[in-house]
Amino acid sequence: MTTTKRTNPPSYQILDPATLGRPIHLLRNFSALLRDELVEVLRTTYNRRYRSHFDVADVSISQIDGELPQTRWRTYGCPSGRIGFSIDRQLALAILGYRYGATEKMPGEGEALPPETASEERLAGNLGQKFAELLAKCIEMRPDEAAAAEAKLAPVELALMANGTPAFGKWMVKVTIVEPAINVRGTLTLTLDESWMARLLHNLAPLRDKRSDSLVKTPVAANQIPLTVVARLLEKEMQLADVLNIRVGEVIPISMRDADVLIDGSRLFIATVAEQDGKLCLTCFEDAE
């Protein structure tokens, strides 16, 4: 008796048309900037004042691929767009406990949380205003400004627009905050509408403008040297027997990633593949390592 070994079906990478040509890979740089600003806010606003030990364990930015957390949501906005905010009650109660010196009454892990009080509701509203405005300020800061020692965040004022789960946006920022002294680990989540996300991605890619400026200042003779640019979109290794067995209509699974850009056979750049008017284009060039 022979047995047939099942193999998992090949996985395919689906290209999101909304992100093609956009510097999604630079979001990790923004996450690092936002984390530094959050750490400073926790240090100056809470840790130094109440002798707490709040710290940022992780900051991640991702597309919303399911339902948002079932917590109380608030939406803050201005003419530029809207930002949603929610915070785990365990984390909010920890901040509230330090403010009123009642951390010893914090419910332990697995214990039922007490009913929400007016003080907790006001605190969550203040936290939402503070962190939503901080996120907006960081979005408005370009990376070249962030690198400057004297760079200051421009103030951005947001107003509370509504309570309830936001029905906008495809992106969210998740911030994990820990307080090891009282064994608390919680998450605050912010959502971005299309306007804020577009500005974030626009401000993340100033290097392209700088490179364009440098090309304009380059001597004319250098601009007239002809070069052949080759974009290597993908590579796929296959057994010779598999190649010989290919029939008309069969599909070869591939994974589309950033393209290698070669000049005279030398790999000089890495570029993002984008689509415009039905044609594949290269954008977001970076020096190859």
C-alpha atoms as a PDB file:
ATOM      1  CA  MET A   1       0.000   0.000   0.000  1.00  0.00           C
ATOM      2  CA  THR A   2       1.362   3.354  -0.937  1.00  0.00           C
ATOM      3  CA  THR A   3       0.668   6.562   0.913  1.00  0.00           C
ATOM      4  CA  THR A   4       0.547  10.010  -0.555  1.00  0.00           C
ATOM      5  CA  LYS A   5       2.359  12.692   1.396  1.00  0.00           C
ATOM      6  CA  ARG A   6       0.404  15.887   1.583  1.00  0.00           C
ATOM      7  CA  THR A   7       2.282  19.093   1.109  1.00  0.00           C
ATOM      8  CA  ASN A   8       1.138  22.527   2.151  1.00  0.00           C
ATOM      9  CA  PRO A   9      -0.059  24.668  -0.752  1.00  0.00           C
ATOM     10  CA  PRO A  10       2.419  27.347  -1.800  1.00  0.00           C
ATOM     11  CA  SER A  11       1.920  30.734  -0.196  1.00  0.00           C
ATOM     12  CA  TYR A  12       1.613  33.796  -2.361  1.00  0.00           C
ATOM     13  CA  GLN A  13       2.489  37.372  -1.461  1.00  0.00           C
ATOM     14  CA  ILE A  14      -0.399  39.641  -2.383  1.00  0.00           C
ATOM     15  CA  LEU A  15       0.627  43.130  -3.420  1.00  0.00           C
ATOM     16  CA  ASP A  16      -1.546  45.822  -1.854  1.00  0.00           C
ATOM     17  CA  PRO A  17      -2.146  48.498  -4.535  1.00  0.00           C
ATOM     18  CA  ALA A  18      -2.579  51.083  -1.766  1.00  0.00           C
ATOM     19  CA  THR A  19       1.022  50.607  -0.601  1.00  0.00           C
ATOM     20  CA  LEU A  20       2.834  50.245  -3.931  1.00  0.00           C
ATOM     21  CA  GLY A  21       5.397  52.985  -4.334  1.00  0.00           C
ATOM     22  CA  ARG A  22       4.947  54.168  -0.739  1.00  0.00           C
ATOM     23  CA  PRO A  23       7.836  53.989   1.778  1.00  0.00           C
ATOM     24  CA  ILE A  24       6.204  51.389   4.024  1.00  0.00           C
ATOM     25  CA  HIS A  25       9.637  49.961   4.868  1.00  0.00           C
ATOM     26  CA  LEU A  26      10.522  53.265   6.571  1.00  0.00           C
ATOM     27  CA  LEU A  27       7.746  52.931   9.157  1.00  0.00           C
ATOM     28  CA  ARG A  28      10.225  51.195  11.472  1.00  0.00           C
ATOM     29  CA  ASN A  29      12.193  54.455  11.599  1.00  0.00           C
ATOM     30  CA  PHE A  30       9.064  56.325  12.625  1.00  0.00           C
ATOM     31  CA  SER A  31       8.295  53.671  15.260  1.00  0.00           C
ATOM     32  CA  ALA A  32      11.719  54.293  16.813  1.00  0.00           C
ATOM     33  CA  LEU A  33      11.152  58.078  16.819  1.00  0.00           C
ATOM     34  CA  LEU A  34       7.701  57.692  18.371  1.00  0.00           C
ATOM     35  CA  ARG A  35       9.036  55.307  21.006  1.00  0.00           C
ATOM     36  CA  ASP A  36      11.691  57.812  22.095  1.00  0.00           C
ATOM     37  CA  GLU A  37       9.077  60.552  22.436  1.00  0.00           C
ATOM     38  CA  LEU A  38       6.745  58.270  24.404  1.00  0.00           C
ATOM     39  CA  VAL A  39       9.546  57.249  26.771  1.00  0.00           C
ATOM     40  CA  GLU A  40      10.313  60.910  27.428  1.00  0.00           C
ATOM     41  CA  VAL A  41       6.643  61.706  28.124  1.00  0.00           C
ATOM     42  CA  LEU A  42       6.353  58.804  30.566  1.00  0.00           C
ATOM     43  CA  ARG A  43       9.582  59.839  32.289  1.00  0.00           C
ATOM     44  CA  THR A  44       8.738  63.510  32.738  1.00  0.00           C
ATOM     45  CA  THR A  45       4.975  63.297  33.246  1.00  0.00           C
ATOM     46  CA  TYR A  46       4.618  60.190  35.407  1.00  0.00           C
ATOM     47  CA  ASN A  47       7.856  58.496  36.488  1.00  0.00           C
ATOM     48  CA  ARG A  48       9.548  61.599  37.829  1.00  0.00           C
ATOM     49  CA  ARG A  49       6.417  62.987  39.449  1.00  0.00           C
ATOM     50  CA  TYR A  50       4.903  59.832  40.944  1.00  0.00           C
ATOM     51  CA  ARG A  51       8.069  57.689  41.234  1.00  0.00           C
ATOM     52  CA  SER A  52       6.636  55.081  38.894  1.00  0.00           C
ATOM     53  CA  HIS A  53       8.585  52.935  36.426  1.00  0.00           C
ATOM     54  CA  PHE A  54       6.508  53.032  33.226  1.00  0.00           C
ATOM     55  CA  ASP A  55       8.468  52.119  30.104  1.00  0.00           C
ATOM     56  CA  VAL A  56       7.698  51.441  26.442  1.00  0.00           C
ATOM     57  CA  ALA A  57       8.313  47.804  25.556  1.00  0.00           C
ATOM     58  CA  ASP A  58       7.289  47.983  21.902  1.00  0.00           C
ATOM     59  CA  VAL A  59       5.818  50.249  19.238  1.00  0.00           C
ATOM     60  CA  SER A  60       4.412  48.739  16.048  1.00  0.00           C
ATOM     61  CA  ILE A  61       2.584  50.169  13.039  1.00  0.00           C
ATOM     62  CA  SER A  62       0.502  47.814  10.928  1.00  0.00           C
ATOM     63  CA  GLN A  63      -2.558  47.612   8.762  1.00  0.00           C
ATOM     64  CA  ILE A  64      -5.776  46.686  10.546  1.00  0.00           C
ATOM     65  CA  ASP A  65      -6.468  43.082   9.560  1.00  0.00           C
ATOM     66  CA  GLY A  66      -9.356  42.372  11.898  1.00  0.00           C
ATOM     67  CA  GLU A  67     -11.564  43.909  14.548  1.00  0.00           C
ATOM     68  CA  LEU A  68     -10.189  46.613  16.791  1.00  0.00           C
ATOM     69  CA  PRO A  69      -9.827  45.952  20.544  1.00  0.00           C
ATOM     70  CA  GLN A  70     -13.146  45.906  22.376  1.00  0.00           C
ATOM     71  CA  THR A  71     -12.313  48.801  24.688  1.00  0.00           C
ATOM     72  CA  ARG A  72     -13.586  52.340  25.073  1.00  0.00           C
ATOM     73  CA  TRP A  73     -12.579  54.399  22.035  1.00  0.00           C
ATOM     74  CA  ARG A  74     -12.260  58.139  21.606  1.00  0.00           C
ATOM     75  CA  THR A  75     -11.710  60.061  18.372  1.00  0.00           C
ATOM     76  CA  TYR A  76      -9.651  63.256  18.246  1.00  0.00           C
ATOM     77  CA  GLY A  77      -9.487  65.460  15.205  1.00  0.00           C
ATOM     78  CA  CYS A  78      -8.599  68.726  13.531  1.00  0.00           C
ATOM     79  CA  PRO A  79      -8.956  69.995   9.963  1.00  0.00           C
ATOM     80  CA  SER A  80      -6.007  67.748   9.022  1.00  0.00           C
ATOM     81  CA  GLY A  81      -7.735  64.480   9.958  1.00  0.00           C
ATOM     82  CA  ARG A  82      -8.743  62.164  12.792  1.00  0.00           C
ATOM     83  CA  ILE A  83      -6.908  59.877  15.227  1.00  0.00           C
ATOM     84  CA  GLY A  84      -8.613  57.188  17.320  1.00  0.00           C
ATOM     85  CA  PHE A  85      -7.397  56.191  20.788  1.00  0.00           C
ATOM     86  CA  SER A  86      -8.021  53.357  23.263  1.00  0.00           C
ATOM     87  CA  ILE A  87      -6.157  52.095  26.319  1.00  0.00           C
ATOM     88  CA  ASP A  88      -6.312  48.864  28.309  1.00  0.00           C
ATOM     89  CA  ARG A  89      -8.112  49.436  31.597  1.00  0.00           C
ATOM     90  CA  GLN A  90      -5.373  47.637  33.535  1.00  0.00           C
ATOM     91  CA  LEU A  91      -2.845  50.188  32.262  1.00  0.00           C
ATOM     92  CA  ALA A  92      -5.174  53.137  32.909  1.00  0.00           C
ATOM     93  CA  LEU A  93      -5.825  51.916  36.462  1.00  0.00           C
ATOM     94  CA  ALA A  94      -2.067  51.606  37.063  1.00  0.00           C
ATOM     95  CA  ILE A  95      -1.506  55.232  36.045  1.00  0.00           C
ATOM     96  CA  LEU A  96      -4.484  56.292  38.141  1.00  0.00           C
ATOM     97  CA  GLY A  97      -3.169  54.295  41.117  1.00  0.00           C
ATOM     98  CA  TYR A  98       0.186  56.076  41.021  1.00  0.00           C
ATOM     99  CA  ARG A  99      -1.526  59.438  40.733  1.00  0.00           C
ATOM    100  CA  TYR A 100      -3.571  58.853  43.895  1.00  0.00           C
ATOM    101  CA  GLY A 101      -1.054  56.648  45.728  1.00  0.00           C
ATOM    102  CA  ALA A 102      -3.227  53.551  45.602  1.00  0.00           C
ATOM    103  CA  THR A 103      -1.133  51.058  43.660  1.00  0.00           C
ATOM    104  CA  GLU A 104      -1.447  48.488  46.465  1.00  0.00           C
ATOM    105  CA  LYS A 105      -5.146  48.170  45.570  1.00  0.00           C
ATOM    106  CA  MET A 106      -4.404  47.240  41.958  1.00  0.00           C
ATOM    107  CA  PRO A 107      -6.290  44.074  40.886  1.00  0.00           C
ATOM    108  CA  GLY A 108      -3.938  41.171  40.184  1.00  0.00           C
ATOM    109  CA  GLU A 109      -3.674  39.215  36.958  1.00  0.00           C
ATOM    110  CA  GLY A 110      -6.905  37.320  36.311  1.00  0.00           C
ATOM    111  CA  GLU A 111      -8.902  39.297  38.860  1.00  0.00           C
ATOM    112  CA  ALA A 112     -12.030  41.161  37.844  1.00  0.00           C
ATOM    113  CA  LEU A 113     -11.574  44.866  37.225  1.00  0.00           C
ATOM    114  CA  PRO A 114     -13.646  47.301  39.317  1.00  0.00           C
ATOM    115  CA  PRO A 115     -16.420  49.364  37.682  1.00  0.00           C
ATOM    116  CA  GLU A 116     -15.181  52.378  35.758  1.00  0.00           C
ATOM    117  CA  THR A 117     -15.214  55.587  37.764  1.00  0.00           C
ATOM    118  CA  ALA A 118     -15.501  59.197  36.660  1.00  0.00           C
ATOM    119  CA  SER A 119     -11.831  59.698  37.599  1.00  0.00           C
ATOM    120  CA  GLU A 120     -10.752  56.844  35.334  1.00  0.00           C
ATOM    121  CA  GLU A 121     -12.878  58.193  32.485  1.00  0.00           C
ATOM    122  CA  ARG A 122     -11.353  61.673  32.815  1.00  0.00           C
ATOM    123  CA  LEU A 123      -7.847  60.187  32.967  1.00  0.00           C
ATOM    124  CA  ALA A 124      -8.441  58.118  29.811  1.00  0.00           C
ATOM    125  CA  GLY A 125      -9.708  61.235  28.037  1.00  0.00           C
ATOM    126  CA  ASN A 126      -6.621  63.213  29.061  1.00  0.00           C
ATOM    127  CA  LEU A 127      -4.327  60.369  28.006  1.00  0.00           C
ATOM    128  CA  GLY A 128      -6.069  60.127  24.654  1.00  0.00           C
ATOM    129  CA  GLN A 129      -5.631  63.848  24.035  1.00  0.00           C
ATOM    130  CA  LYS A 130      -1.968  63.738  25.072  1.00  0.00           C
ATOM    131  CA  PHE A 131      -0.936  60.676  23.049  1.00  0.00           C
ATOM    132  CA  ALA A 132      -3.004  61.544  19.970  1.00  0.00           C
ATOM    133  CA  GLU A 133      -1.386  64.988  19.834  1.00  0.00           C
ATOM    134  CA  LEU A 134       2.055  63.454  20.398  1.00  0.00           C
ATOM    135  CA  LEU A 135       1.492  61.081  17.479  1.00  0.00           C
ATOM    136  CA  ALA A 136       0.366  63.986  15.289  1.00  0.00           C
ATOM    137  CA  LYS A 137       3.449  66.027  16.218  1.00  0.00           C
ATOM    138  CA  CYS A 138       5.760  63.130  15.397  1.00  0.00           C
ATOM    139  CA  ILE A 139       4.052  62.689  12.021  1.00  0.00           C
ATOM    140  CA  GLU A 140       4.674  66.341  11.198  1.00  0.00           C
ATOM    141  CA  MET A 141       8.379  66.010  12.050  1.00  0.00           C
ATOM    142  CA  ARG A 142      10.555  65.013   9.103  1.00  0.00           C
ATOM    143  CA  PRO A 143      13.430  62.569   9.758  1.00  0.00           C
ATOM    144  CA  ASP A 144      16.046  65.212   8.911  1.00  0.00           C
ATOM    145  CA  GLU A 145      14.527  67.483  11.580  1.00  0.00           C
ATOM    146  CA  ALA A 146      14.391  64.636  14.081  1.00  0.00           C
ATOM    147  CA  ALA A 147      18.124  64.101  13.679  1.00  0.00           C
ATOM    148  CA  ALA A 148      18.886  67.682  14.649  1.00  0.00           C
ATOM    149  CA  ALA A 149      19.850  68.140  18.276  1.00  0.00           C
ATOM    150  CA  GLU A 150      17.681  71.229  18.742  1.00  0.00           C
ATOM    151  CA  ALA A 151      14.690  69.904  16.817  1.00  0.00           C
ATOM    152  CA  LYS A 152      11.381  70.749  18.495  1.00  0.00           C
ATOM    153  CA  LEU A 153       7.989  69.236  17.786  1.00  0.00           C
ATOM    154  CA  ALA A 154       5.513  71.745  16.406  1.00  0.00           C
ATOM    155  CA  PRO A 155       2.327  71.863  18.489  1.00  0.00           C
ATOM    156  CA  VAL A 156      -0.726  70.166  16.998  1.00  0.00           C
ATOM    157  CA  GLU A 157      -4.051  70.701  18.759  1.00  0.00           C
ATOM    158  CA  LEU A 158      -6.721  68.023  18.495  1.00  0.00           C
ATOM    159  CA  ALA A 159     -10.263  68.180  19.823  1.00  0.00           C
ATOM    160  CA  LEU A 160     -12.422  65.304  21.084  1.00  0.00           C
ATOM    161  CA  MET A 161     -14.896  64.550  18.306  1.00  0.00           C
ATOM    162  CA  ALA A 162     -16.716  61.392  19.390  1.00  0.00           C
ATOM    163  CA  ASN A 163     -16.721  58.329  21.615  1.00  0.00           C
ATOM    164  CA  GLY A 164     -17.036  54.879  20.107  1.00  0.00           C
ATOM    165  CA  THR A 165     -15.026  52.580  17.859  1.00  0.00           C
ATOM    166  CA  PRO A 166     -13.658  54.620  14.919  1.00  0.00           C
ATOM    167  CA  ALA A 167     -14.998  53.538  11.534  1.00  0.00           C
ATOM    168  CA  PHE A 168     -12.103  54.981   9.563  1.00  0.00           C
ATOM    169  CA  GLY A 169      -8.557  54.168   8.631  1.00  0.00           C
ATOM    170  CA  LYS A 170      -6.630  51.056   7.716  1.00  0.00           C
ATOM    171  CA  TRP A 171      -3.610  51.583   9.969  1.00  0.00           C
ATOM    172  CA  MET A 172      -3.051  51.423  13.695  1.00  0.00           C
ATOM    173  CA  VAL A 173      -0.206  52.139  16.105  1.00  0.00           C
ATOM    174  CA  LYS A 174       0.093  49.708  19.028  1.00  0.00           C
ATOM    175  CA  VAL A 175       2.184  50.771  22.016  1.00  0.00           C
ATOM    176  CA  THR A 176       2.994  48.215  24.707  1.00  0.00           C
ATOM    177  CA  ILE A 177       3.759  49.808  28.080  1.00  0.00           C
ATOM    178  CA  VAL A 178       5.088  47.951  31.118  1.00  0.00           C
ATOM    179  CA  GLU A 179       5.426  48.807  34.799  1.00  0.00           C
ATOM    180  CA  PRO A 180       7.580  46.055  36.340  1.00  0.00           C
ATOM    181  CA  ALA A 181       7.274  47.353  39.913  1.00  0.00           C
ATOM    182  CA  ILE A 182       3.569  46.429  40.031  1.00  0.00           C
ATOM    183  CA  ASN A 183       3.684  43.767  37.302  1.00  0.00           C
ATOM    184  CA  VAL A 184       1.487  45.617  34.799  1.00  0.00           C
ATOM    185  CA  ARG A 185       1.667  45.232  31.033  1.00  0.00           C
ATOM    186  CA  GLY A 186      -0.880  46.986  28.836  1.00  0.00           C
ATOM    187  CA  THR A 187      -1.482  48.399  25.389  1.00  0.00           C
ATOM    188  CA  LEU A 188      -2.642  51.720  24.072  1.00  0.00           C
ATOM    189  CA  THR A 189      -3.800  51.774  20.465  1.00  0.00           C
ATOM    190  CA  LEU A 190      -4.117  54.672  18.033  1.00  0.00           C
ATOM    191  CA  THR A 191      -5.732  54.543  14.588  1.00  0.00           C
ATOM    192  CA  LEU A 192      -4.933  56.850  11.671  1.00  0.00           C
ATOM    193  CA  ASP A 193      -7.318  58.007   8.989  1.00  0.00           C
ATOM    194  CA  GLU A 194      -6.161  58.217   5.366  1.00  0.00           C
ATOM    195  CA  SER A 195      -5.175  61.876   5.687  1.00  0.00           C
ATOM    196  CA  TRP A 196      -2.792  61.339   8.622  1.00  0.00           C
ATOM    197  CA  MET A 197      -1.347  58.163   7.109  1.00  0.00           C
ATOM    198  CA  ALA A 198      -0.693  59.901   3.790  1.00  0.00           C
ATOM    199  CA  ARG A 199       1.165  62.717   5.569  1.00  0.00           C
ATOM    200  CA  LEU A 200       3.189  60.232   7.591  1.00  0.00           C
ATOM    201  CA  LEU A 201       4.353  58.362   4.475  1.00  0.00           C
ATOM    202  CA  HIS A 202       5.047  61.631   2.664  1.00  0.00           C
ATOM    203  CA  ASN A 203       7.221  62.940   5.499  1.00  0.00           C
ATOM    204  CA  LEU A 204       9.098  59.649   5.804  1.00  0.00           C
ATOM    205  CA  ALA A 205      10.741  59.976   2.395  1.00  0.00           C
ATOM    206  CA  PRO A 206      12.625  63.309   2.241  1.00  0.00           C
ATOM    207  CA  LEU A 207      15.756  61.590   0.919  1.00  0.00           C
ATOM    208  CA  ARG A 208      14.263  61.370  -2.543  1.00  0.00           C
ATOM    209  CA  ASP A 209      13.888  65.149  -2.622  1.00  0.00           C
ATOM    210  CA  LYS A 210      17.501  65.565  -1.481  1.00  0.00           C
ATOM    211  CA  ARG A 211      18.755  63.211  -4.165  1.00  0.00           C
ATOM    212  CA  SER A 212      16.754  65.112  -6.784  1.00  0.00           C
ATOM    213  CA  ASP A 213      18.303  68.377  -5.608  1.00  0.00           C
ATOM    214  CA  SER A 214      21.797  66.890  -5.777  1.00  0.00           C
ATOM    215  CA  LEU A 215      21.193  65.739  -9.340  1.00  0.00           C
ATOM    216  CA  VAL A 216      20.195  69.258 -10.332  1.00  0.00           C
ATOM    217  CA  LYS A 217      23.454  70.632  -8.883  1.00  0.00           C
ATOM    218  CA  THR A 218      25.572  67.971 -10.605  1.00  0.00           C
ATOM    219  CA  PRO A 219      27.754  69.271 -13.457  1.00  0.00           C
ATOM    220  CA  VAL A 220      26.164  68.967 -16.893  1.00  0.00           C
ATOM    221  CA  ALA A 221      28.910  66.642 -18.169  1.00  0.00           C
ATOM    222  CA  ALA A 222      28.068  64.041 -15.541  1.00  0.00           C
ATOM    223  CA  ASN A 223      24.391  64.173 -16.486  1.00  0.00           C
ATOM    224  CA  GLN A 224      25.255  63.288 -20.085  1.00  0.00           C
ATOM    225  CA  ILE A 225      27.153  60.042 -19.365  1.00  0.00           C
ATOM    226  CA  PRO A 226      24.981  57.182 -20.703  1.00  0.00           C
ATOM    227  CA  LEU A 227      24.373  54.257 -18.341  1.00  0.00           C
ATOM    228  CA  THR A 228      22.330  51.101 -18.778  1.00  0.00           C
ATOM    229  CA  VAL A 229      20.166  50.368 -15.745  1.00  0.00           C
ATOM    230  CA  VAL A 230      18.893  46.818 -15.255  1.00  0.00           C
ATOM    231  CA  ALA A 231      16.170  46.036 -12.700  1.00  0.00           C
ATOM    232  CA  ARG A 232      16.242  42.449 -11.456  1.00  0.00           C
ATOM    233  CA  LEU A 233      12.695  41.963 -10.240  1.00  0.00           C
ATOM    234  CA  LEU A 234      12.906  38.385  -9.019  1.00  0.00           C
ATOM    235  CA  GLU A 235      14.846  35.144  -9.068  1.00  0.00           C
ATOM    236  CA  LYS A 236      13.375  31.646  -8.975  1.00  0.00           C
ATOM    237  CA  GLU A 237      15.447  28.481  -8.644  1.00  0.00           C
ATOM    238  CA  MET A 238      13.918  25.357 -10.204  1.00  0.00           C
ATOM    239  CA  GLN A 239      15.022  21.817 -10.927  1.00  0.00           C
ATOM    240  CA  LEU A 240      15.766  21.102 -14.596  1.00  0.00           C
ATOM    241  CA  ALA A 241      13.150  18.334 -14.584  1.00  0.00           C
ATOM    242  CA  ASP A 242      10.509  20.801 -13.380  1.00  0.00           C
ATOM    243  CA  VAL A 243      11.428  23.232 -16.159  1.00  0.00           C
ATOM    244  CA  LEU A 244      11.133  20.499 -18.796  1.00  0.00           C
ATOM    245  CA  ASN A 245       7.723  19.479 -17.449  1.00  0.00           C
ATOM    246  CA  ILE A 246       6.183  22.962 -17.671  1.00  0.00           C
ATOM    247  CA  ARG A 247       3.045  22.996 -19.793  1.00  0.00           C
ATOM    248  CA  VAL A 248       1.039  25.829 -21.315  1.00  0.00           C
ATOM    249  CA  GLY A 249      -1.271  27.395 -18.742  1.00  0.00           C
ATOM    250  CA  GLU A 250       0.639  26.274 -15.659  1.00  0.00           C
ATOM    251  CA  VAL A 251       1.454  28.818 -12.956  1.00  0.00           C
ATOM    252  CA  ILE A 252       4.854  29.214 -11.317  1.00  0.00           C
ATOM    253  CA  PRO A 253       4.453  30.734  -7.823  1.00  0.00           C
ATOM    254  CA  ILE A 254       6.734  33.693  -7.153  1.00  0.00           C
ATOM    255  CA  SER A 255       7.214  36.210  -4.365  1.00  0.00           C
ATOM    256  CA  MET A 256       7.580  39.842  -5.419  1.00  0.00           C
ATOM    257  CA  ARG A 257       9.999  41.804  -3.247  1.00  0.00           C
ATOM    258  CA  ASP A 258      12.119  44.905  -3.692  1.00  0.00           C
ATOM    259  CA  ALA A 259      14.028  44.929  -6.957  1.00  0.00           C
ATOM    260  CA  ASP A 260      17.824  44.916  -7.303  1.00  0.00           C
ATOM    261  CA  VAL A 261      19.056  47.714  -9.585  1.00  0.00           C
ATOM    262  CA  LEU A 262      22.238  46.902 -11.493  1.00  0.00           C
ATOM    263  CA  ILE A 263      24.521  49.109 -13.559  1.00  0.00           C
ATOM    264  CA  ASP A 264      27.094  47.293 -15.685  1.00  0.00           C
ATOM    265  CA  GLY A 265      26.356  44.125 -13.708  1.00  0.00           C
ATOM    266  CA  SER A 266      27.030  45.762 -10.318  1.00  0.00           C
ATOM    267  CA  ARG A 267      24.206  45.849  -7.744  1.00  0.00           C
ATOM    268  CA  LEU A 268      24.087  49.496  -6.652  1.00  0.00           C
ATOM    269  CA  PHE A 269      20.532  50.156  -5.464  1.00  0.00           C
ATOM    270  CA  ILE A 270      17.423  48.538  -4.014  1.00  0.00           C
ATOM    271  CA  ALA A 271      14.123  49.948  -5.265  1.00  0.00           C
ATOM    272  CA  THR A 272      10.440  49.428  -4.549  1.00  0.00           C
ATOM    273  CA  VAL A 273       8.294  48.157  -7.416  1.00  0.00           C
ATOM    274  CA  ALA A 274       5.205  50.284  -8.056  1.00  0.00           C
ATOM    275  CA  GLU A 275       2.483  50.338 -10.698  1.00  0.00           C
ATOM    276  CA  GLN A 276       1.411  53.437 -12.582  1.00  0.00           C
ATOM    277  CA  ASP A 277      -0.937  53.529 -15.582  1.00  0.00           C
ATOM    278  CA  GLY A 278      -0.554  49.784 -16.041  1.00  0.00           C
ATOM    279  CA  LYS A 279       3.257  49.919 -16.097  1.00  0.00           C
ATOM    280  CA  LEU A 280       5.734  48.719 -13.481  1.00  0.00           C
ATOM    281  CA  CYS A 281       7.974  51.482 -12.143  1.00  0.00           C
ATOM    282  CA  LEU A 282      10.838  51.721  -9.664  1.00  0.00           C
ATOM    283  CA  THR A 283      10.718  54.118  -6.716  1.00  0.00           C
ATOM    284  CA  CYS A 284      12.176  54.649  -3.216  1.00  0.00           C
ATOM    285  CA  PHE A 285      15.786  53.930  -4.259  1.00  0.00           C
ATOM    286  CA  GLU A 286      18.196  52.995  -1.479  1.00  0.00           C
ATOM    287  CA  ASP A 287      21.905  52.235  -1.617  1.00  0.00           C
ATOM    288  CA  ALA A 288      22.588  48.515  -1.651  1.00  0.00           C
ATOM    289  CA  GLU A 289      24.763  47.266   1.183  1.00  0.00           C
END
